[in-house]
Amino acid sequence: MHLFVQRSTHDIDESTCEACLLICRWTIRTFTYWNDKGVPHLSFMEYMRTAYDIFTKPLYEVVQRNYERHGRVYGTYQGFVPTLVVGDPNLLRDICVRDFKSFADRSVSLN
């Protein structure tokens, strides 16, 4: 009986470690999306700070701070979904009008 309990505990510990490793790998893969594309982006810690600030500060302050730090076009995340923030009106016009066929199935968030 003692051997069974010891083995079960070992299996649970091993499964827990594997689950943690998979979660870490998935998180790293998700939050390096913009880095892999060569786009200026919020780091994981900046993203977490922004997520907190959205609930504690006016939204325009949060967006303006990110705009000043990262420029007119930068990558961020909505939850775990990579999101491109475009602050350049001319580029936004090109995306929404001229290149609409390439971006038609994308959501547009206006803040």
PDB file of N, CA and C in Angstrom:
ATOM      1  N   MET A   1       0.824  -1.194   0.000  1.00  0.00           N
ATOM      2  CA  MET A   1       0.000   0.000   0.000  1.00  0.00           C
ATOM      3  C   MET A   1       0.867   1.257   0.000  1.00  0.00           C
ATOM      4  N   HIS A   2       1.919   1.242   0.798  1.00  0.00           N
ATOM      5  CA  HIS A   2       2.810   2.391   0.888  1.00  0.00           C
ATOM      6  C   HIS A   2       3.457   2.679  -0.473  1.00  0.00           C
ATOM      7  N   LEU A   3       3.843   1.638  -1.189  1.00  0.00           N
ATOM      8  CA  LEU A   3       4.446   1.796  -2.506  1.00  0.00           C
ATOM      9  C   LEU A   3       3.457   2.431  -3.481  1.00  0.00           C
ATOM     10  N   PHE A   4       2.190   2.042  -3.407  1.00  0.00           N
ATOM     11  CA  PHE A   4       1.161   2.601  -4.285  1.00  0.00           C
ATOM     12  C   PHE A   4       0.979   4.097  -4.022  1.00  0.00           C
ATOM     13  N   VAL A   5       0.912   4.489  -2.756  1.00  0.00           N
ATOM     14  CA  VAL A   5       0.733   5.899  -2.400  1.00  0.00           C
ATOM     15  C   VAL A   5       1.947   6.709  -2.846  1.00  0.00           C
ATOM     16  N   GLN A   6       3.122   6.177  -2.622  1.00  0.00           N
ATOM     17  CA  GLN A   6       4.339   6.874  -3.008  1.00  0.00           C
ATOM     18  C   GLN A   6       4.415   7.035  -4.531  1.00  0.00           C
ATOM     19  N   ARG A   7       4.048   6.008  -5.254  1.00  0.00           N
ATOM     20  CA  ARG A   7       4.085   6.071  -6.711  1.00  0.00           C
ATOM     21  C   ARG A   7       3.036   7.053  -7.239  1.00  0.00           C
ATOM     22  N   SER A   8       1.850   7.056  -6.657  1.00  0.00           N
ATOM     23  CA  SER A   8       0.802   7.973  -7.089  1.00  0.00           C
ATOM     24  C   SER A   8       1.215   9.421  -6.857  1.00  0.00           C
ATOM     25  N   THR A   9       1.832   9.690  -5.726  1.00  0.00           N
ATOM     26  CA  THR A   9       2.294  11.040  -5.427  1.00  0.00           C
ATOM     27  C   THR A   9       3.357  11.464  -6.433  1.00  0.00           C
ATOM     28  N   HIS A  10       4.237  10.557  -6.765  1.00  0.00           N
ATOM     29  CA  HIS A  10       5.279  10.851  -7.754  1.00  0.00           C
ATOM     30  C   HIS A  10       4.660  11.151  -9.114  1.00  0.00           C
ATOM     31  N   ASP A  11       3.661  10.374  -9.512  1.00  0.00           N
ATOM     32  CA  ASP A  11       2.990  10.604 -10.796  1.00  0.00           C
ATOM     33  C   ASP A  11       2.288  11.959 -10.819  1.00  0.00           C
ATOM     34  N   ILE A  12       1.669  12.315  -9.697  1.00  0.00           N
ATOM     35  CA  ILE A  12       0.982  13.608  -9.618  1.00  0.00           C
ATOM     36  C   ILE A  12       1.995  14.741  -9.700  1.00  0.00           C
ATOM     37  N   ASP A  13       3.114  14.614  -8.990  1.00  0.00           N
ATOM     38  CA  ASP A  13       4.163  15.638  -9.040  1.00  0.00           C
ATOM     39  C   ASP A  13       4.705  15.787 -10.458  1.00  0.00           C
ATOM     40  N   GLU A  14       4.926  14.669 -11.117  1.00  0.00           N
ATOM     41  CA  GLU A  14       5.442  14.694 -12.483  1.00  0.00           C
ATOM     42  C   GLU A  14       4.439  15.345 -13.428  1.00  0.00           C
ATOM     43  N   SER A  15       3.176  15.004 -13.280  1.00  0.00           N
ATOM     44  CA  SER A  15       2.135  15.594 -14.130  1.00  0.00           C
ATOM     45  C   SER A  15       2.018  17.095 -13.888  1.00  0.00           C
ATOM     46  N   THR A  16       2.128  17.504 -12.635  1.00  0.00           N
ATOM     47  CA  THR A  16       2.059  18.925 -12.303  1.00  0.00           C
ATOM     48  C   THR A  16       3.222  19.680 -12.929  1.00  0.00           C
ATOM     49  N   CYS A  17       4.410  19.124 -12.868  1.00  0.00           N
ATOM     50  CA  CYS A  17       5.587  19.754 -13.484  1.00  0.00           C
ATOM     51  C   CYS A  17       5.416  19.865 -14.996  1.00  0.00           C
ATOM     52  N   GLU A  18       4.919  18.815 -15.617  1.00  0.00           N
ATOM     53  CA  GLU A  18       4.700  18.846 -17.064  1.00  0.00           C
ATOM     54  C   GLU A  18       3.677  19.908 -17.435  1.00  0.00           C
ATOM     55  N   ALA A  19       2.603  20.012 -16.649  1.00  0.00           N
ATOM     56  CA  ALA A  19       1.579  21.022 -16.918  1.00  0.00           C
ATOM     57  C   ALA A  19       2.162  22.428 -16.774  1.00  0.00           C
ATOM     58  N   CYS A  20       2.964  22.646 -15.745  1.00  0.00           N
ATOM     59  CA  CYS A  20       3.600  23.960 -15.547  1.00  0.00           C
ATOM     60  C   CYS A  20       4.534  24.300 -16.704  1.00  0.00           C
ATOM     61  N   LEU A  21       5.298  23.332 -17.156  1.00  0.00           N
ATOM     62  CA  LEU A  21       6.201  23.565 -18.285  1.00  0.00           C
ATOM     63  C   LEU A  21       5.433  23.902 -19.557  1.00  0.00           C
ATOM     64  N   LEU A  22       4.329  23.203 -19.793  1.00  0.00           N
ATOM     65  CA  LEU A  22       3.511  23.495 -20.974  1.00  0.00           C
ATOM     66  C   LEU A  22       2.911  24.893 -20.898  1.00  0.00           C
ATOM     67  N   ILE A  23       2.449  25.282 -19.722  1.00  0.00           N
ATOM     68  CA  ILE A  23       1.881  26.620 -19.551  1.00  0.00           C
ATOM     69  C   ILE A  23       2.955  27.681 -19.771  1.00  0.00           C
ATOM     70  N   CYS A  24       4.145  27.461 -19.215  1.00  0.00           N
ATOM     71  CA  CYS A  24       5.255  28.413 -19.412  1.00  0.00           C
ATOM     72  C   CYS A  24       5.630  28.517 -20.884  1.00  0.00           C
ATOM     73  N   ARG A  25       5.724  27.392 -21.548  1.00  0.00           N
ATOM     74  CA  ARG A  25       6.086  27.391 -22.972  1.00  0.00           C
ATOM     75  C   ARG A  25       5.036  28.127 -23.795  1.00  0.00           C
ATOM     76  N   TRP A  26       3.764  27.888 -23.512  1.00  0.00           N
ATOM     77  CA  TRP A  26       2.677  28.536 -24.234  1.00  0.00           C
ATOM     78  C   TRP A  26       2.692  30.047 -23.986  1.00  0.00           C
ATOM     79  N   THR A  27       2.929  30.457 -22.734  1.00  0.00           N
ATOM     80  CA  THR A  27       2.968  31.878 -22.399  1.00  0.00           C
ATOM     81  C   THR A  27       4.130  32.569 -23.102  1.00  0.00           C
ATOM     82  N   ILE A  28       5.302  31.959 -23.074  1.00  0.00           N
ATOM     83  CA  ILE A  28       6.468  32.546 -23.741  1.00  0.00           C
ATOM     84  C   ILE A  28       6.226  32.641 -25.239  1.00  0.00           C
ATOM     85  N   ARG A  29       5.666  31.600 -25.817  1.00  0.00           N
ATOM     86  CA  ARG A  29       5.387  31.609 -27.261  1.00  0.00           C
ATOM     87  C   ARG A  29       4.381  32.702 -27.613  1.00  0.00           C
ATOM     88  N   THR A  30       3.355  32.855 -26.784  1.00  0.00           N
ATOM     89  CA  THR A  30       2.338  33.869 -27.037  1.00  0.00           C
ATOM     90  C   THR A  30       2.921  35.272 -26.936  1.00  0.00           C
ATOM     91  N   PHE A  31       3.676  35.533 -25.882  1.00  0.00           N
ATOM     92  CA  PHE A  31       4.154  36.886 -25.628  1.00  0.00           C
ATOM     93  C   PHE A  31       5.472  37.224 -26.325  1.00  0.00           C
ATOM     94  N   THR A  32       5.927  36.392 -27.241  1.00  0.00           N
ATOM     95  CA  THR A  32       7.063  36.748 -28.096  1.00  0.00           C
ATOM     96  C   THR A  32       6.619  36.884 -29.552  1.00  0.00           C
ATOM     97  N   TYR A  33       5.320  36.878 -29.794  1.00  0.00           N
ATOM     98  CA  TYR A  33       4.783  36.960 -31.149  1.00  0.00           C
ATOM     99  C   TYR A  33       5.313  38.198 -31.881  1.00  0.00           C
ATOM    100  N   TRP A  34       5.182  39.376 -31.269  1.00  0.00           N
ATOM    101  CA  TRP A  34       5.596  40.607 -31.943  1.00  0.00           C
ATOM    102  C   TRP A  34       7.104  40.705 -32.062  1.00  0.00           C
ATOM    103  N   ASN A  35       7.822  40.173 -31.091  1.00  0.00           N
ATOM    104  CA  ASN A  35       9.283  40.166 -31.167  1.00  0.00           C
ATOM    105  C   ASN A  35       9.742  39.353 -32.373  1.00  0.00           C
ATOM    106  N   ASP A  36       9.109  38.208 -32.606  1.00  0.00           N
ATOM    107  CA  ASP A  36       9.455  37.363 -33.748  1.00  0.00           C
ATOM    108  C   ASP A  36       9.156  38.048 -35.079  1.00  0.00           C
ATOM    109  N   LYS A  37       8.181  38.953 -35.092  1.00  0.00           N
ATOM    110  CA  LYS A  37       7.811  39.670 -36.322  1.00  0.00           C
ATOM    111  C   LYS A  37       8.631  40.945 -36.519  1.00  0.00           C
ATOM    112  N   GLY A  38       9.425  41.332 -35.522  1.00  0.00           N
ATOM    113  CA  GLY A  38      10.230  42.544 -35.628  1.00  0.00           C
ATOM    114  C   GLY A  38       9.439  43.822 -35.438  1.00  0.00           C
ATOM    115  N   VAL A  39       8.316  43.751 -34.748  1.00  0.00           N
ATOM    116  CA  VAL A  39       7.455  44.907 -34.514  1.00  0.00           C
ATOM    117  C   VAL A  39       7.713  45.429 -33.095  1.00  0.00           C
ATOM    118  N   PRO A  40       7.840  46.761 -32.920  1.00  0.00           N
ATOM    119  CA  PRO A  40       7.947  47.282 -31.557  1.00  0.00           C
ATOM    120  C   PRO A  40       6.731  46.821 -30.757  1.00  0.00           C
ATOM    121  N   HIS A  41       6.945  46.444 -29.514  1.00  0.00           N
ATOM    122  CA  HIS A  41       5.842  45.848 -28.759  1.00  0.00           C
ATOM    123  C   HIS A  41       6.015  46.050 -27.266  1.00  0.00           C
ATOM    124  N   LEU A  42       4.942  45.816 -26.537  1.00  0.00           N
ATOM    125  CA  LEU A  42       4.982  45.830 -25.089  1.00  0.00           C
ATOM    126  C   LEU A  42       5.583  44.517 -24.618  1.00  0.00           C
ATOM    127  N   SER A  43       6.516  44.600 -23.686  1.00  0.00           N
ATOM    128  CA  SER A  43       7.047  43.377 -23.086  1.00  0.00           C
ATOM    129  C   SER A  43       5.962  42.767 -22.200  1.00  0.00           C
ATOM    130  N   PHE A  44       6.201  41.571 -21.729  1.00  0.00           N
ATOM    131  CA  PHE A  44       5.219  40.906 -20.871  1.00  0.00           C
ATOM    132  C   PHE A  44       4.929  41.750 -19.631  1.00  0.00           C
ATOM    133  N   MET A  45       5.973  42.295 -19.018  1.00  0.00           N
ATOM    134  CA  MET A  45       5.773  43.101 -17.810  1.00  0.00           C
ATOM    135  C   MET A  45       5.043  44.409 -18.133  1.00  0.00           C
ATOM    136  N   GLU A  46       5.343  45.031 -19.272  1.00  0.00           N
ATOM    137  CA  GLU A  46       4.611  46.233 -19.680  1.00  0.00           C
ATOM    138  C   GLU A  46       3.146  45.900 -19.945  1.00  0.00           C
ATOM    139  N   TYR A  47       2.912  44.747 -20.543  1.00  0.00           N
ATOM    140  CA  TYR A  47       1.537  44.315 -20.796  1.00  0.00           C
ATOM    141  C   TYR A  47       0.782  44.139 -19.478  1.00  0.00           C
ATOM    142  N   MET A  48       1.417  43.503 -18.497  1.00  0.00           N
ATOM    143  CA  MET A  48       0.764  43.298 -17.202  1.00  0.00           C
ATOM    144  C   MET A  48       0.498  44.642 -16.521  1.00  0.00           C
ATOM    145  N   ARG A  49       1.447  45.566 -16.633  1.00  0.00           N
ATOM    146  CA  ARG A  49       1.248  46.894 -16.051  1.00  0.00           C
ATOM    147  C   ARG A  49       0.101  47.613 -16.751  1.00  0.00           C
ATOM    148  N   THR A  50       0.053  47.524 -18.071  1.00  0.00           N
ATOM    149  CA  THR A  50      -1.024  48.152 -18.830  1.00  0.00           C
ATOM    150  C   THR A  50      -2.373  47.561 -18.445  1.00  0.00           C
ATOM    151  N   ALA A  51      -2.426  46.244 -18.296  1.00  0.00           N
ATOM    152  CA  ALA A  51      -3.679  45.590 -17.897  1.00  0.00           C
ATOM    153  C   ALA A  51      -4.142  46.115 -16.541  1.00  0.00           C
ATOM    154  N   TYR A  52      -3.217  46.306 -15.618  1.00  0.00           N
ATOM    155  CA  TYR A  52      -3.561  46.861 -14.302  1.00  0.00           C
ATOM    156  C   TYR A  52      -3.994  48.319 -14.434  1.00  0.00           C
ATOM    157  N   ASP A  53      -3.238  49.100 -15.210  1.00  0.00           N
ATOM    158  CA  ASP A  53      -3.525  50.529 -15.354  1.00  0.00           C
ATOM    159  C   ASP A  53      -4.875  50.796 -16.007  1.00  0.00           C
ATOM    160  N   ILE A  54      -5.323  49.916 -16.864  1.00  0.00           N
ATOM    161  CA  ILE A  54      -6.620  50.103 -17.520  1.00  0.00           C
ATOM    162  C   ILE A  54      -7.742  50.188 -16.490  1.00  0.00           C
ATOM    163  N   PHE A  55      -7.575  49.488 -15.374  1.00  0.00           N
ATOM    164  CA  PHE A  55      -8.598  49.497 -14.328  1.00  0.00           C
ATOM    165  C   PHE A  55      -8.386  50.604 -13.299  1.00  0.00           C
ATOM    166  N   THR A  56      -7.207  51.221 -13.267  1.00  0.00           N
ATOM    167  CA  THR A  56      -6.919  52.203 -12.225  1.00  0.00           C
ATOM    168  C   THR A  56      -6.704  53.617 -12.749  1.00  0.00           C
ATOM    169  N   LYS A  57      -6.559  53.780 -14.054  1.00  0.00           N
ATOM    170  CA  LYS A  57      -6.314  55.098 -14.643  1.00  0.00           C
ATOM    171  C   LYS A  57      -7.255  55.304 -15.823  1.00  0.00           C
ATOM    172  N   PRO A  58      -7.430  56.566 -16.235  1.00  0.00           N
ATOM    173  CA  PRO A  58      -8.220  56.807 -17.446  1.00  0.00           C
ATOM    174  C   PRO A  58      -7.558  56.137 -18.658  1.00  0.00           C
ATOM    175  N   LEU A  59      -8.367  55.572 -19.532  1.00  0.00           N
ATOM    176  CA  LEU A  59      -7.856  54.823 -20.678  1.00  0.00           C
ATOM    177  C   LEU A  59      -6.966  55.680 -21.573  1.00  0.00           C
ATOM    178  N   TYR A  60      -7.327  56.948 -21.761  1.00  0.00           N
ATOM    179  CA  TYR A  60      -6.520  57.790 -22.651  1.00  0.00           C
ATOM    180  C   TYR A  60      -5.095  57.955 -22.123  1.00  0.00           C
ATOM    181  N   GLU A  61      -4.907  57.972 -20.796  1.00  0.00           N
ATOM    182  CA  GLU A  61      -3.554  58.079 -20.240  1.00  0.00           C
ATOM    183  C   GLU A  61      -2.729  56.832 -20.543  1.00  0.00           C
ATOM    184  N   VAL A  62      -3.357  55.684 -20.430  1.00  0.00           N
ATOM    185  CA  VAL A  62      -2.667  54.416 -20.686  1.00  0.00           C
ATOM    186  C   VAL A  62      -2.268  54.327 -22.154  1.00  0.00           C
ATOM    187  N   VAL A  63      -3.197  54.649 -23.046  1.00  0.00           N
ATOM    188  CA  VAL A  63      -2.926  54.585 -24.484  1.00  0.00           C
ATOM    189  C   VAL A  63      -1.862  55.613 -24.866  1.00  0.00           C
ATOM    190  N   GLN A  64      -1.951  56.817 -24.323  1.00  0.00           N
ATOM    191  CA  GLN A  64      -0.972  57.860 -24.637  1.00  0.00           C
ATOM    192  C   GLN A  64       0.423  57.467 -24.158  1.00  0.00           C
ATOM    193  N   ARG A  65       0.536  56.886 -22.972  1.00  0.00           N
ATOM    194  CA  ARG A  65       1.848  56.461 -22.461  1.00  0.00           C
ATOM    195  C   ARG A  65       2.470  55.418 -23.386  1.00  0.00           C
ATOM    196  N   ASN A  66       1.675  54.432 -23.809  1.00  0.00           N
ATOM    197  CA  ASN A  66       2.195  53.401 -24.714  1.00  0.00           C
ATOM    198  C   ASN A  66       2.563  53.997 -26.071  1.00  0.00           C
ATOM    199  N   TYR A  67       1.755  54.932 -26.549  1.00  0.00           N
ATOM    200  CA  TYR A  67       2.025  55.601 -27.828  1.00  0.00           C
ATOM    201  C   TYR A  67       3.351  56.357 -27.761  1.00  0.00           C
ATOM    202  N   GLU A  68       3.590  57.068 -26.665  1.00  0.00           N
ATOM    203  CA  GLU A  68       4.831  57.834 -26.516  1.00  0.00           C
ATOM    204  C   GLU A  68       6.047  56.919 -26.383  1.00  0.00           C
ATOM    205  N   ARG A  69       5.888  55.791 -25.741  1.00  0.00           N
ATOM    206  CA  ARG A  69       7.012  54.865 -25.541  1.00  0.00           C
ATOM    207  C   ARG A  69       7.339  54.045 -26.782  1.00  0.00           C
ATOM    208  N   HIS A  70       6.315  53.634 -27.531  1.00  0.00           N
ATOM    209  CA  HIS A  70       6.532  52.660 -28.602  1.00  0.00           C
ATOM    210  C   HIS A  70       6.293  53.200 -30.003  1.00  0.00           C
ATOM    211  N   GLY A  71       5.760  54.398 -30.129  1.00  0.00           N
ATOM    212  CA  GLY A  71       5.587  54.986 -31.449  1.00  0.00           C
ATOM    213  C   GLY A  71       4.174  54.829 -31.994  1.00  0.00           C
ATOM    214  N   ARG A  72       4.041  55.149 -33.275  1.00  0.00           N
ATOM    215  CA  ARG A  72       2.723  55.201 -33.911  1.00  0.00           C
ATOM    216  C   ARG A  72       2.143  53.833 -34.232  1.00  0.00           C
ATOM    217  N   VAL A  73       2.989  52.830 -34.310  1.00  0.00           N
ATOM    218  CA  VAL A  73       2.532  51.458 -34.578  1.00  0.00           C
ATOM    219  C   VAL A  73       3.298  50.535 -33.639  1.00  0.00           C
ATOM    220  N   TYR A  74       2.560  49.757 -32.855  1.00  0.00           N
ATOM    221  CA  TYR A  74       3.217  48.816 -31.951  1.00  0.00           C
ATOM    222  C   TYR A  74       2.291  47.636 -31.672  1.00  0.00           C
ATOM    223  N   GLY A  75       2.887  46.576 -31.227  1.00  0.00           N
ATOM    224  CA  GLY A  75       2.133  45.369 -30.922  1.00  0.00           C
ATOM    225  C   GLY A  75       1.823  45.264 -29.443  1.00  0.00           C
ATOM    226  N   THR A  76       0.658  44.748 -29.137  1.00  0.00           N
ATOM    227  CA  THR A  76       0.243  44.475 -27.764  1.00  0.00           C
ATOM    228  C   THR A  76      -0.638  43.235 -27.792  1.00  0.00           C
ATOM    229  N   TYR A  77      -1.406  43.018 -26.764  1.00  0.00           N
ATOM    230  CA  TYR A  77      -2.256  41.830 -26.681  1.00  0.00           C
ATOM    231  C   TYR A  77      -3.603  42.211 -26.093  1.00  0.00           C
ATOM    232  N   GLN A  78      -4.643  41.580 -26.582  1.00  0.00           N
ATOM    233  CA  GLN A  78      -5.959  41.647 -25.961  1.00  0.00           C
ATOM    234  C   GLN A  78      -6.174  40.277 -25.356  1.00  0.00           C
ATOM    235  N   GLY A  79      -5.933  40.181 -24.063  1.00  0.00           N
ATOM    236  CA  GLY A  79      -5.895  38.862 -23.441  1.00  0.00           C
ATOM    237  C   GLY A  79      -4.642  38.164 -23.920  1.00  0.00           C
ATOM    238  N   PHE A  80      -4.808  37.081 -24.651  1.00  0.00           N
ATOM    239  CA  PHE A  80      -3.662  36.364 -25.209  1.00  0.00           C
ATOM    240  C   PHE A  80      -3.603  36.476 -26.727  1.00  0.00           C
ATOM    241  N   VAL A  81      -4.404  37.361 -27.298  1.00  0.00           N
ATOM    242  CA  VAL A  81      -4.462  37.529 -28.751  1.00  0.00           C
ATOM    243  C   VAL A  81      -3.575  38.703 -29.163  1.00  0.00           C
ATOM    244  N   PRO A  82      -2.585  38.474 -30.033  1.00  0.00           N
ATOM    245  CA  PRO A  82      -1.744  39.580 -30.500  1.00  0.00           C
ATOM    246  C   PRO A  82      -2.587  40.630 -31.223  1.00  0.00           C
ATOM    247  N   THR A  83      -2.344  41.906 -30.884  1.00  0.00           N
ATOM    248  CA  THR A  83      -3.122  43.006 -31.433  1.00  0.00           C
ATOM    249  C   THR A  83      -2.176  44.115 -31.873  1.00  0.00           C
ATOM    250  N   LEU A  84      -2.374  44.620 -33.074  1.00  0.00           N
ATOM    251  CA  LEU A  84      -1.561  45.715 -33.593  1.00  0.00           C
ATOM    252  C   LEU A  84      -2.285  47.027 -33.325  1.00  0.00           C
ATOM    253  N   VAL A  85      -1.599  47.968 -32.680  1.00  0.00           N
ATOM    254  CA  VAL A  85      -2.157  49.286 -32.399  1.00  0.00           C
ATOM    255  C   VAL A  85      -1.581  50.252 -33.429  1.00  0.00           C
ATOM    256  N   VAL A  86      -2.471  50.918 -34.161  1.00  0.00           N
ATOM    257  CA  VAL A  86      -2.054  51.849 -35.214  1.00  0.00           C
ATOM    258  C   VAL A  86      -2.494  53.250 -34.805  1.00  0.00           C
ATOM    259  N   GLY A  87      -1.529  54.142 -34.620  1.00  0.00           N
ATOM    260  CA  GLY A  87      -1.826  55.515 -34.245  1.00  0.00           C
ATOM    261  C   GLY A  87      -1.573  56.502 -35.366  1.00  0.00           C
ATOM    262  N   ASP A  88      -1.160  56.022 -36.519  1.00  0.00           N
ATOM    263  CA  ASP A  88      -0.884  56.868 -37.677  1.00  0.00           C
ATOM    264  C   ASP A  88      -2.137  56.910 -38.550  1.00  0.00           C
ATOM    265  N   PRO A  89      -2.794  58.078 -38.676  1.00  0.00           N
ATOM    266  CA  PRO A  89      -4.040  58.157 -39.450  1.00  0.00           C
ATOM    267  C   PRO A  89      -3.890  57.720 -40.909  1.00  0.00           C
ATOM    268  N   ASN A  90      -2.761  58.042 -41.537  1.00  0.00           N
ATOM    269  CA  ASN A  90      -2.570  57.656 -42.940  1.00  0.00           C
ATOM    270  C   ASN A  90      -2.451  56.144 -43.082  1.00  0.00           C
ATOM    271  N   LEU A  91      -1.703  55.521 -42.195  1.00  0.00           N
ATOM    272  CA  LEU A  91      -1.575  54.066 -42.227  1.00  0.00           C
ATOM    273  C   LEU A  91      -2.906  53.403 -41.897  1.00  0.00           C
ATOM    274  N   LEU A  92      -3.634  53.970 -40.953  1.00  0.00           N
ATOM    275  CA  LEU A  92      -4.946  53.425 -40.603  1.00  0.00           C
ATOM    276  C   LEU A  92      -5.907  53.516 -41.785  1.00  0.00           C
ATOM    277  N   ARG A  93      -5.853  54.625 -42.531  1.00  0.00           N
ATOM    278  CA  ARG A  93      -6.684  54.765 -43.733  1.00  0.00           C
ATOM    279  C   ARG A  93      -6.319  53.693 -44.761  1.00  0.00           C
ATOM    280  N   ASP A  94      -5.021  53.475 -44.949  1.00  0.00           N
ATOM    281  CA  ASP A  94      -4.587  52.446 -45.901  1.00  0.00           C
ATOM    282  C   ASP A  94      -5.093  51.067 -45.487  1.00  0.00           C
ATOM    283  N   ILE A  95      -5.013  50.765 -44.209  1.00  0.00           N
ATOM    284  CA  ILE A  95      -5.460  49.453 -43.719  1.00  0.00           C
ATOM    285  C   ILE A  95      -6.964  49.295 -43.879  1.00  0.00           C
ATOM    286  N   CYS A  96      -7.720  50.339 -43.509  1.00  0.00           N
ATOM    287  CA  CYS A  96      -9.185  50.231 -43.513  1.00  0.00           C
ATOM    288  C   CYS A  96      -9.814  50.444 -44.883  1.00  0.00           C
ATOM    289  N   VAL A  97      -9.107  51.068 -45.818  1.00  0.00           N
ATOM    290  CA  VAL A  97      -9.690  51.356 -47.132  1.00  0.00           C
ATOM    291  C   VAL A  97      -8.926  50.638 -48.242  1.00  0.00           C
ATOM    292  N   ARG A  98      -7.692  51.037 -48.471  1.00  0.00           N
ATOM    293  CA  ARG A  98      -6.938  50.515 -49.611  1.00  0.00           C
ATOM    294  C   ARG A  98      -6.642  49.021 -49.489  1.00  0.00           C
ATOM    295  N   ASP A  99      -6.208  48.583 -48.323  1.00  0.00           N
ATOM    296  CA  ASP A  99      -5.854  47.172 -48.121  1.00  0.00           C
ATOM    297  C   ASP A  99      -6.944  46.416 -47.372  1.00  0.00           C
ATOM    298  N   PHE A 100      -8.187  46.854 -47.521  1.00  0.00           N
ATOM    299  CA  PHE A 100      -9.293  46.260 -46.773  1.00  0.00           C
ATOM    300  C   PHE A 100      -9.397  44.763 -46.997  1.00  0.00           C
ATOM    301  N   LYS A 101      -9.159  44.312 -48.214  1.00  0.00           N
ATOM    302  CA  LYS A 101      -9.305  42.882 -48.521  1.00  0.00           C
ATOM    303  C   LYS A 101      -8.351  42.022 -47.682  1.00  0.00           C
ATOM    304  N   SER A 102      -7.218  42.578 -47.284  1.00  0.00           N
ATOM    305  CA  SER A 102      -6.258  41.834 -46.465  1.00  0.00           C
ATOM    306  C   SER A 102      -6.617  41.854 -44.983  1.00  0.00           C
ATOM    307  N   PHE A 103      -7.410  42.837 -44.566  1.00  0.00           N
ATOM    308  CA  PHE A 103      -7.718  43.002 -43.147  1.00  0.00           C
ATOM    309  C   PHE A 103      -9.213  42.914 -42.859  1.00  0.00           C
ATOM    310  N   ALA A 104     -10.013  42.450 -43.803  1.00  0.00           N
ATOM    311  CA  ALA A 104     -11.469  42.478 -43.660  1.00  0.00           C
ATOM    312  C   ALA A 104     -11.979  41.636 -42.499  1.00  0.00           C
ATOM    313  N   ASP A 105     -11.306  40.545 -42.176  1.00  0.00           N
ATOM    314  CA  ASP A 105     -11.801  39.675 -41.107  1.00  0.00           C
ATOM    315  C   ASP A 105     -11.183  40.011 -39.752  1.00  0.00           C
ATOM    316  N   ARG A 106     -10.606  41.189 -39.624  1.00  0.00           N
ATOM    317  CA  ARG A 106      -9.992  41.616 -38.369  1.00  0.00           C
ATOM    318  C   ARG A 106     -10.940  42.549 -37.628  1.00  0.00           C
ATOM    319  N   SER A 107     -10.850  42.543 -36.320  1.00  0.00           N
ATOM    320  CA  SER A 107     -11.697  43.447 -35.548  1.00  0.00           C
ATOM    321  C   SER A 107     -11.034  44.819 -35.469  1.00  0.00           C
ATOM    322  N   VAL A 108     -11.854  45.834 -35.328  1.00  0.00           N
ATOM    323  CA  VAL A 108     -11.365  47.196 -35.174  1.00  0.00           C
ATOM    324  C   VAL A 108     -11.881  47.703 -33.843  1.00  0.00           C
ATOM    325  N   SER A 109     -10.963  48.126 -32.994  1.00  0.00           N
ATOM    326  CA  SER A 109     -11.328  48.651 -31.686  1.00  0.00           C
ATOM    327  C   SER A 109     -10.998  50.128 -31.662  1.00  0.00           C
ATOM    328  N   LEU A 110     -11.985  50.950 -31.425  1.00  0.00           N
ATOM    329  CA  LEU A 110     -11.780  52.396 -31.383  1.00  0.00           C
ATOM    330  C   LEU A 110     -11.855  52.854 -29.940  1.00  0.00           C
ATOM    331  N   ASN A 111     -10.761  53.407 -29.456  1.00  0.00           N
ATOM    332  CA  ASN A 111     -10.733  53.916 -28.072  1.00  0.00           C
ATOM    333  C   ASN A 111     -10.496  55.393 -28.089  1.00  0.00           C
TER     334      ASN A 111
END
